């Protein structure tokens, strides 16, 4: 499908994601990924902070409100909590979480898993899979829209995690 992959390889699309457990017959499956130059423990708080804001294009999906640029010191996410917040509205809910490894939520009928895959060189692959039961026409439109928004979100999470990690670890080059 057009727009179903960005920044991922075949192994990353072939792996199992927690969101797969919630959708029996997906019409939409989309994978996104970035490499973050920080260990998973530095990336995780930013993934968990998606509960506060979307971190994509704030002027579109957050009604101009700026997504936080600093960590808010949130408690660890729990199943049943809100998944995200956009424009001051609480949206979705968390359906699966493994602290420091993955957070899966549902919003507007879609299920999405953020998965952290530590790499041997103090970097982390931040992967996102979105899946949904819908018709093929809607799936195509959602895939293209998600490509734009999820790409921006992952790049913002990468930026914040790397910046925060560098500030906390000034001896690293």
Protein backbone atom coordinates (compact mmCIF):
# COMPACT_ATOMS: atom_id res chain seq x y z
CA UNK A 1 0.00 0.00 0.00
CA UNK A 2 1.24 3.51 -0.76
CA UNK A 3 2.68 5.20 2.32
CA UNK A 4 2.76 2.07 4.47
CA UNK A 5 6.52 2.18 5.20
CA UNK A 6 8.97 4.83 6.22
CA UNK A 7 12.37 4.29 7.80
CA UNK A 8 11.96 0.52 8.32
CA UNK A 9 13.49 -2.56 6.74
CA UNK A 10 11.91 -5.89 5.83
CA UNK A 11 12.87 -7.50 9.15
CA UNK A 12 11.17 -4.69 11.06
CA UNK A 13 7.96 -5.05 9.08
CA UNK A 14 8.01 -8.85 9.45
CA UNK A 15 8.37 -8.84 13.24
CA UNK A 16 5.41 -9.16 15.59
CA UNK A 17 4.10 -6.02 17.29
CA UNK A 18 1.76 -5.87 20.30
CA UNK A 19 -0.90 -4.02 18.24
CA UNK A 20 -1.23 -7.15 16.08
CA UNK A 21 -2.99 -8.85 19.02
CA UNK A 22 -5.88 -6.39 18.82
CA UNK A 23 -6.77 -6.47 15.10
CA UNK A 24 -7.85 -9.73 13.46
CA UNK A 25 -8.26 -8.60 9.84
CA UNK A 26 -6.31 -5.40 9.26
CA UNK A 27 -6.92 -3.39 6.11
CA UNK A 28 -4.35 -0.86 7.31
CA UNK A 29 -0.86 -1.81 8.41
CA UNK A 30 1.77 0.92 8.45
CA UNK A 31 5.31 0.83 9.81
CA UNK A 32 7.58 3.75 10.69
CA UNK A 33 11.02 3.86 12.29
CA UNK A 34 13.95 6.04 13.25
CA UNK A 35 17.36 5.43 14.76
CA UNK A 36 17.88 7.45 17.92
CA UNK A 37 21.43 8.20 19.02
CA UNK A 38 20.64 7.44 22.65
CA UNK A 39 20.07 4.28 24.69
CA UNK A 40 16.54 2.95 25.13
CA UNK A 41 16.33 4.22 28.71
CA UNK A 42 16.80 7.77 27.38
CA UNK A 43 14.20 7.29 24.63
CA UNK A 44 11.49 5.63 26.74
CA UNK A 45 10.46 8.71 28.77
CA UNK A 46 9.77 10.56 25.52
CA UNK A 47 7.65 7.72 24.16
CA UNK A 48 5.76 7.60 27.47
CA UNK A 49 5.25 11.37 27.25
CA UNK A 50 3.10 10.94 24.11
CA UNK A 51 0.36 10.76 26.76
CA UNK A 52 0.68 14.56 27.09
CA UNK A 53 0.81 15.66 23.47
CA UNK A 54 1.05 14.34 19.90
CA UNK A 55 4.57 15.64 19.10
CA UNK A 56 3.80 15.95 15.39
CA UNK A 57 2.62 19.20 13.78
CA UNK A 58 1.29 21.06 16.81
CA UNK A 59 -0.49 23.65 14.70
CA UNK A 60 -2.57 20.85 13.12
CA UNK A 61 -3.14 18.17 15.72
CA UNK A 62 -2.66 20.13 18.93
CA UNK A 63 -4.60 23.29 18.01
CA UNK A 64 -1.41 25.32 18.14
CA UNK A 65 -0.49 24.20 21.64
CA UNK A 66 3.20 23.35 21.81
CA UNK A 67 4.11 19.79 22.73
CA UNK A 68 6.38 19.83 25.83
CA UNK A 69 10.08 20.27 25.07
CA UNK A 70 11.18 18.96 28.47
CA UNK A 71 10.33 15.78 30.31
CA UNK A 72 7.40 16.23 32.68
CA UNK A 73 8.41 13.48 35.10
CA UNK A 74 5.31 11.40 34.42
CA UNK A 75 4.74 8.13 36.25
CA UNK A 76 5.12 5.00 34.14
CA UNK A 77 2.21 4.43 31.74
CA UNK A 78 -0.44 1.92 32.77
CA UNK A 79 -3.01 -0.08 30.81
CA UNK A 80 -6.32 1.79 30.80
CA UNK A 81 -4.82 5.29 31.02
CA UNK A 82 -5.34 7.84 28.28
CA UNK A 83 -3.11 7.24 25.31
CA UNK A 84 -2.53 10.80 24.20
CA UNK A 85 -3.84 14.33 24.39
CA UNK A 86 -4.44 16.69 21.47
CA UNK A 87 -5.81 20.19 21.59
CA UNK A 88 -6.38 19.78 25.31
CA UNK A 89 -8.59 16.71 24.79
CA UNK A 90 -7.71 13.33 26.24
CA UNK A 91 -7.81 10.71 23.49
CA UNK A 92 -7.63 6.94 23.30
CA UNK A 93 -6.34 4.54 25.90
CA UNK A 94 -3.29 2.43 26.54
CA UNK A 95 -4.03 -1.26 25.90
CA UNK A 96 -0.59 -2.81 26.47
CA UNK A 97 2.67 -1.65 28.01
CA UNK A 98 6.03 -3.15 28.90
CA UNK A 99 7.99 -0.48 30.76
CA UNK A 100 11.01 0.66 28.77
CA UNK A 101 10.15 -1.58 25.81
CA UNK A 102 6.77 -0.86 24.26
CA UNK A 103 3.57 1.13 24.64
CA UNK A 104 0.48 0.24 22.62
CA UNK A 105 -2.62 2.37 22.45
CA UNK A 106 -5.85 2.73 20.57
CA UNK A 107 -7.33 5.89 19.16
CA UNK A 108 -10.15 6.35 16.66
CA UNK A 109 -10.33 2.62 15.91
CA UNK A 110 -6.63 2.25 15.16
CA UNK A 111 -4.10 0.41 17.32
CA UNK A 112 -0.50 1.54 17.42
CA UNK A 113 2.61 0.15 19.07
CA UNK A 114 5.74 2.14 19.85
CA UNK A 115 8.56 -0.38 20.24
CA UNK A 116 12.12 0.32 21.38
CA UNK A 117 14.84 -1.96 20.05
CA UNK A 118 18.22 -1.32 21.69
CA UNK A 119 21.22 -1.49 19.37
CA UNK A 120 24.70 -2.52 20.41
CA UNK A 121 26.24 0.92 19.98
CA UNK A 122 24.12 2.91 22.48
CA UNK A 123 21.51 3.70 19.88
CA UNK A 124 17.87 2.65 19.76
CA UNK A 125 15.52 1.85 16.94
CA UNK A 126 12.19 3.49 17.68
CA UNK A 127 9.57 1.60 15.69
CA UNK A 128 5.90 2.39 15.26
CA UNK A 129 3.28 0.13 13.77
CA UNK A 130 -0.30 1.26 13.14
CA UNK A 131 -3.01 -1.25 12.30
CA UNK A 132 -6.76 -0.97 11.82
CA UNK A 133 -9.77 -2.81 10.47
CA UNK A 134 -11.35 -0.58 7.83
CA UNK A 135 -11.99 -0.60 4.10
CA UNK A 136 -9.14 -0.31 1.58
CA UNK A 137 -10.03 3.23 0.42
CA UNK A 138 -10.07 4.58 3.97
CA UNK A 139 -6.90 2.60 4.74
CA UNK A 140 -5.05 4.27 1.84
CA UNK A 141 -6.05 7.76 3.02
CA UNK A 142 -5.14 6.98 6.62
CA UNK A 143 -1.81 5.49 5.59
CA UNK A 144 -0.82 8.62 3.69
CA UNK A 145 -2.00 10.95 6.46
CA UNK A 146 -0.28 8.87 9.10
CA UNK A 147 2.93 8.86 7.08
CA UNK A 148 3.12 12.65 7.31
CA UNK A 149 2.13 12.92 10.97
CA UNK A 150 3.95 9.84 12.34
CA UNK A 151 7.16 10.74 10.52
CA UNK A 152 7.15 14.18 12.14
CA UNK A 153 6.28 12.67 15.53
CA UNK A 154 9.13 10.14 15.44
CA UNK A 155 11.61 12.77 14.28
CA UNK A 156 10.53 15.06 17.14
CA UNK A 157 10.81 12.26 19.72
CA UNK A 158 14.27 11.44 18.31
CA UNK A 159 15.34 15.10 18.53
CA UNK A 160 14.18 15.49 22.13
CA UNK A 161 15.63 12.18 23.32
CA UNK A 162 19.02 12.87 21.72
CA UNK A 163 19.16 16.46 23.01
CA UNK A 164 18.16 15.43 26.52
CA UNK A 165 20.64 12.53 26.51
CA UNK A 166 23.53 14.78 25.35
CA UNK A 167 22.78 17.28 28.13
CA UNK A 168 22.81 14.51 30.72
CA UNK A 169 25.94 12.84 29.30
CA UNK A 170 28.28 15.68 28.31
CA UNK A 171 31.36 13.40 28.29
CA UNK A 172 29.99 11.49 25.27
CA UNK A 173 31.03 12.68 21.84
